[in-house]
Amino acid sequence: MKYRAVFFDAGDTLVRPHPSFHELFAQVMLREGYPVDAEEVRSCWPVAMRRFRDAAESREAWSTSPARSRRFWLSVYEVFFDELALPPSDGLGERLYETFSDMGNYRLFPDVMPAIDALHAAGLSMGVVSNFEAWLDELLVSLGLGETLPVRVISGIEGIEKPDVRLFELALERSGFDAEDCVYVGDSVDFDVVPARKLGMHPVLIDRRDRFGKHDGIRITSMEQLPEVLSA
């Protein structure tokens, strides 16, 4: 391969809530006495994504402390409550925050390990650059990726968030590789593709839900496609 290293985003790229965000959200609501359909939750996600963009524009750095994380996610859940006509003051946000902060509720996507094994066999170094709370480090170790992804640059530990290119620069510095020798894989154009490209890395957009069909760069719909794409 012409590359020396591959860095990954974490949430919605390597790991996800189990069985999915919208299904787990619906399960919590049902336990609290509010029967909500998982597909209804899924339909609200584009509206909720505006909250992430607003946070980036205002530099909230929401993942850099437990207090900021809690405040941010409660505001995200309020968007869902508004869209689903659920009461925001019934402790639902706290139940959701507890659930989505529990490492036991996370799994790797099924397509992750086959791809990582293939990249490892090809001699590529790998790591993570992610906007995520500090406990992502422990989560990745518990999922068996501690040794496979030795360079882990996590916003909750570093105190800066994507799309700030400094998070990517830390990964390059710690790995010892030049940007042009590295690939970055993530699920967001704004938070992953744009800053990686700005530094001279080679971005790959993972688009499992077919949201970015007109993307002008390298795009895959399954992580299993990644080794072939990088070999081309």
Protein backbone atom coordinates (compact mmCIF):
# COMPACT_ATOMS: atom_id res chain seq x y z
CA MET A 1 0.00 0.00 0.00
CA LYS A 2 1.12 3.57 -0.64
CA TYR A 3 0.03 4.68 2.83
CA ARG A 4 1.74 4.08 6.16
CA ALA A 5 -1.02 4.74 8.69
CA VAL A 6 -4.79 4.91 9.03
CA PHE A 7 -6.56 6.93 11.70
CA PHE A 8 -10.23 6.51 12.52
CA ASP A 9 -13.00 8.52 14.06
CA ALA A 10 -14.74 6.48 16.80
CA GLY A 11 -18.48 7.19 17.19
CA ASP A 12 -20.51 5.95 14.21
CA THR A 13 -17.25 4.87 12.55
CA LEU A 14 -15.82 2.16 14.81
CA VAL A 15 -18.30 1.98 17.68
CA ARG A 16 -22.01 2.48 18.17
CA PRO A 17 -24.59 2.17 20.92
CA HIS A 18 -26.03 -1.34 20.92
CA PRO A 19 -28.18 -2.28 19.10
CA SER A 20 -28.24 1.29 17.71
CA PHE A 21 -28.75 4.84 19.00
CA HIS A 22 -32.38 5.03 17.99
CA GLU A 23 -33.25 1.55 19.26
CA LEU A 24 -31.56 2.11 22.60
CA PHE A 25 -33.25 5.51 22.91
CA ALA A 26 -36.63 3.88 22.26
CA GLN A 27 -35.91 1.15 24.83
CA VAL A 28 -35.21 3.75 27.51
CA MET A 29 -38.39 5.64 26.67
CA LEU A 30 -40.44 2.44 26.86
CA ARG A 31 -39.01 1.63 30.31
CA GLU A 32 -39.98 5.13 31.41
CA GLY A 33 -43.54 4.65 30.20
CA TYR A 34 -43.34 6.41 26.83
CA PRO A 35 -43.77 3.98 23.92
CA VAL A 36 -41.71 5.56 21.15
CA ASP A 37 -40.97 3.85 17.86
CA ALA A 38 -37.27 3.51 17.01
CA GLU A 39 -37.89 4.75 13.48
CA GLU A 40 -39.47 7.90 14.90
CA VAL A 41 -36.26 8.49 16.83
CA ARG A 42 -34.19 7.90 13.70
CA SER A 43 -36.23 10.47 11.77
CA CYS A 44 -35.32 13.15 14.33
CA TRP A 45 -31.56 12.72 13.93
CA PRO A 46 -31.06 15.28 11.11
CA VAL A 47 -32.66 17.96 13.30
CA ALA A 48 -30.51 16.96 16.28
CA MET A 49 -27.37 17.20 14.14
CA ARG A 50 -27.86 20.96 14.00
CA ARG A 51 -26.99 21.02 17.69
CA PHE A 52 -23.61 19.46 16.91
CA ARG A 53 -22.91 22.07 14.23
CA ASP A 54 -23.93 24.88 16.58
CA ALA A 55 -21.61 23.49 19.26
CA ALA A 56 -18.69 23.40 16.82
CA GLU A 57 -19.33 26.94 15.59
CA SER A 58 -19.52 28.29 19.14
CA ARG A 59 -16.54 26.18 20.27
CA GLU A 60 -18.39 24.63 23.18
CA ALA A 61 -15.84 21.82 23.45
CA TRP A 62 -18.68 19.71 24.82
CA SER A 63 -16.71 16.48 25.20
CA THR A 64 -13.79 17.95 27.15
CA SER A 65 -15.26 17.53 30.65
CA PRO A 66 -18.01 15.42 32.24
CA ALA A 67 -19.99 18.54 33.13
CA ARG A 68 -19.87 19.90 29.58
CA SER A 69 -20.71 16.50 28.16
CA ARG A 70 -23.76 16.13 30.37
CA ARG A 71 -24.98 19.65 29.59
CA PHE A 72 -24.52 19.16 25.86
CA TRP A 73 -26.19 15.75 25.63
CA LEU A 74 -29.15 16.91 27.71
CA SER A 75 -29.62 19.69 25.16
CA VAL A 76 -29.45 17.14 22.32
CA TYR A 77 -32.05 14.97 24.00
CA GLU A 78 -34.30 18.01 24.37
CA VAL A 79 -34.33 18.29 20.58
CA PHE A 80 -35.64 14.75 20.38
CA PHE A 81 -38.20 15.44 23.09
CA ASP A 82 -39.49 18.42 21.13
CA GLU A 83 -39.71 16.44 17.92
CA LEU A 84 -41.36 13.44 19.63
CA ALA A 85 -43.70 15.52 21.82
CA LEU A 86 -42.20 14.07 25.02
CA PRO A 87 -42.03 15.95 28.34
CA PRO A 88 -38.54 17.42 28.89
CA SER A 89 -38.92 17.65 32.68
CA ASP A 90 -39.66 14.02 33.60
CA GLY A 91 -36.06 12.94 34.20
CA LEU A 92 -35.89 11.41 30.74
CA GLY A 93 -32.72 13.25 29.79
CA GLU A 94 -30.88 11.96 32.85
CA ARG A 95 -31.98 8.37 32.12
CA LEU A 96 -30.70 8.70 28.57
CA TYR A 97 -27.42 10.24 29.65
CA GLU A 98 -26.80 7.41 32.11
CA THR A 99 -27.60 4.86 29.41
CA PHE A 100 -25.41 6.35 26.70
CA SER A 101 -22.52 6.87 29.15
CA ASP A 102 -22.50 3.18 30.06
CA MET A 103 -19.66 1.42 28.22
CA GLY A 104 -21.60 -1.83 28.39
CA ASN A 105 -24.05 -0.39 25.87
CA TYR A 106 -21.45 -0.06 23.09
CA ARG A 107 -20.22 -2.49 20.46
CA LEU A 108 -17.97 -2.42 17.41
CA PHE A 109 -19.71 -2.33 14.06
CA PRO A 110 -19.56 -5.85 12.58
CA ASP A 111 -17.48 -4.64 9.63
CA VAL A 112 -14.71 -3.13 11.78
CA MET A 113 -12.57 -6.11 12.82
CA PRO A 114 -12.31 -7.67 9.32
CA ALA A 115 -11.06 -4.35 7.99
CA ILE A 116 -8.64 -3.75 10.85
CA ASP A 117 -7.26 -7.27 10.56
CA ALA A 118 -6.65 -6.75 6.83
CA LEU A 119 -4.95 -3.40 7.37
CA HIS A 120 -2.80 -4.84 10.14
CA ALA A 121 -1.78 -7.71 7.88
CA ALA A 122 -0.79 -5.16 5.23
CA GLY A 123 1.59 -3.54 7.71
CA LEU A 124 -0.30 -0.31 8.31
CA SER A 125 -0.14 1.50 11.64
CA MET A 126 -3.52 2.58 13.05
CA GLY A 127 -4.95 5.00 15.57
CA VAL A 128 -7.98 7.04 16.60
CA VAL A 129 -8.75 10.76 16.46
CA SER A 130 -12.17 11.36 17.93
CA ASN A 131 -14.54 13.80 19.56
CA PHE A 132 -15.53 11.65 22.49
CA GLU A 133 -15.51 11.65 26.26
CA ALA A 134 -12.33 10.49 28.00
CA TRP A 135 -13.79 7.04 28.69
CA LEU A 136 -13.45 6.17 25.01
CA ASP A 137 -9.88 5.13 25.81
CA GLU A 138 -11.08 2.48 28.25
CA LEU A 139 -13.89 1.45 25.91
CA LEU A 140 -11.52 0.75 23.02
CA VAL A 141 -9.29 -1.33 25.27
CA SER A 142 -12.31 -3.31 26.51
CA LEU A 143 -13.32 -3.97 22.89
CA GLY A 144 -9.90 -5.42 22.10
CA LEU A 145 -8.47 -2.47 20.18
CA GLY A 146 -5.99 -1.17 22.72
CA GLU A 147 -2.89 -2.66 21.07
CA THR A 148 -4.22 -2.39 17.52
CA LEU A 149 -4.89 1.35 17.85
CA PRO A 150 -1.95 2.52 19.99
CA VAL A 151 -2.23 6.21 19.06
CA ARG A 152 -5.50 7.46 20.57
CA VAL A 153 -6.17 11.20 20.41
CA ILE A 154 -9.45 11.82 22.22
CA SER A 155 -10.99 15.25 22.70
CA GLY A 156 -12.11 14.43 26.23
CA ILE A 157 -8.47 13.95 27.18
CA GLU A 158 -6.80 16.58 24.99
CA GLY A 159 -9.23 19.44 25.64
CA ILE A 160 -9.77 20.32 21.97
CA GLU A 161 -12.31 19.05 19.46
CA LYS A 162 -12.63 18.46 15.76
CA PRO A 163 -12.85 20.21 13.38
CA ASP A 164 -9.85 21.85 15.05
CA VAL A 165 -6.89 20.52 13.07
CA ARG A 166 -4.75 20.47 16.21
CA LEU A 167 -6.36 17.19 17.21
CA PHE A 168 -5.13 15.64 13.95
CA GLU A 169 -1.71 17.25 14.36
CA LEU A 170 -1.34 15.54 17.73
CA ALA A 171 -1.97 12.17 16.08
CA LEU A 172 0.66 12.87 13.42
CA GLU A 173 3.17 14.05 16.01
CA ARG A 174 2.69 11.01 18.23
CA SER A 175 2.76 8.54 15.36
CA GLY A 176 5.78 10.10 13.68
CA PHE A 177 4.14 10.01 10.24
CA ASP A 178 3.72 12.82 7.74
CA ALA A 179 0.18 13.85 6.80
CA GLU A 180 0.55 12.76 3.18
CA ASP A 181 1.34 9.22 4.32
CA CYS A 182 -1.84 8.94 6.40
CA VAL A 183 -5.50 8.14 5.78
CA TYR A 184 -8.31 9.40 7.99
CA VAL A 185 -11.66 7.60 8.09
CA GLY A 186 -14.76 9.21 9.55
CA ASP A 187 -18.50 9.57 9.09
CA SER A 188 -18.77 13.38 8.93
CA VAL A 189 -17.79 15.68 6.09
CA ASP A 190 -17.47 18.75 8.32
CA PHE A 191 -15.75 17.13 11.30
CA ASP A 192 -13.65 14.48 9.55
CA VAL A 193 -13.13 15.01 5.83
CA VAL A 194 -12.57 18.78 5.80
CA PRO A 195 -9.95 19.09 8.58
CA ALA A 196 -8.07 15.94 7.50
CA ARG A 197 -7.90 17.22 3.94
CA LYS A 198 -6.78 20.63 5.15
CA LEU A 199 -3.71 19.04 6.74
CA GLY A 200 -2.87 16.98 3.67
CA MET A 201 -4.15 13.65 4.99
CA HIS A 202 -6.22 11.42 2.71
CA PRO A 203 -9.83 11.43 3.98
CA VAL A 204 -12.23 8.54 3.47
CA LEU A 205 -15.90 9.09 4.27
CA ILE A 206 -17.71 6.09 5.76
CA ASP A 207 -21.37 6.47 4.81
CA ARG A 208 -23.23 3.43 6.11
CA ARG A 209 -26.64 5.15 5.91
CA ASP A 210 -26.13 6.52 2.39
CA ARG A 211 -26.44 10.16 3.44
CA PHE A 212 -23.71 11.59 1.20
CA GLY A 213 -24.27 10.05 -2.22
CA LYS A 214 -22.90 13.15 -3.98
CA HIS A 215 -19.70 13.33 -1.92
CA ASP A 216 -16.81 14.49 -4.10
CA GLY A 217 -14.13 12.42 -2.38
CA ILE A 218 -13.49 8.80 -1.49
CA ARG A 219 -16.64 7.31 0.02
CA ILE A 220 -17.34 3.81 1.30
CA THR A 221 -20.54 2.30 2.69
CA SER A 222 -18.88 -0.51 4.67
CA MET A 223 -15.55 -0.67 6.46
CA GLU A 224 -14.87 -3.93 4.64
CA GLN A 225 -14.35 -1.85 1.48
CA LEU A 226 -11.51 0.12 3.05
CA PRO A 227 -8.56 -2.25 2.41
CA GLU A 228 -9.44 -2.51 -1.28
CA VAL A 229 -9.86 1.26 -1.60
CA LEU A 230 -6.48 1.88 -0.01
CA SER A 231 -4.83 -0.67 -2.28
CA ALA A 232 -6.14 0.95 -5.46
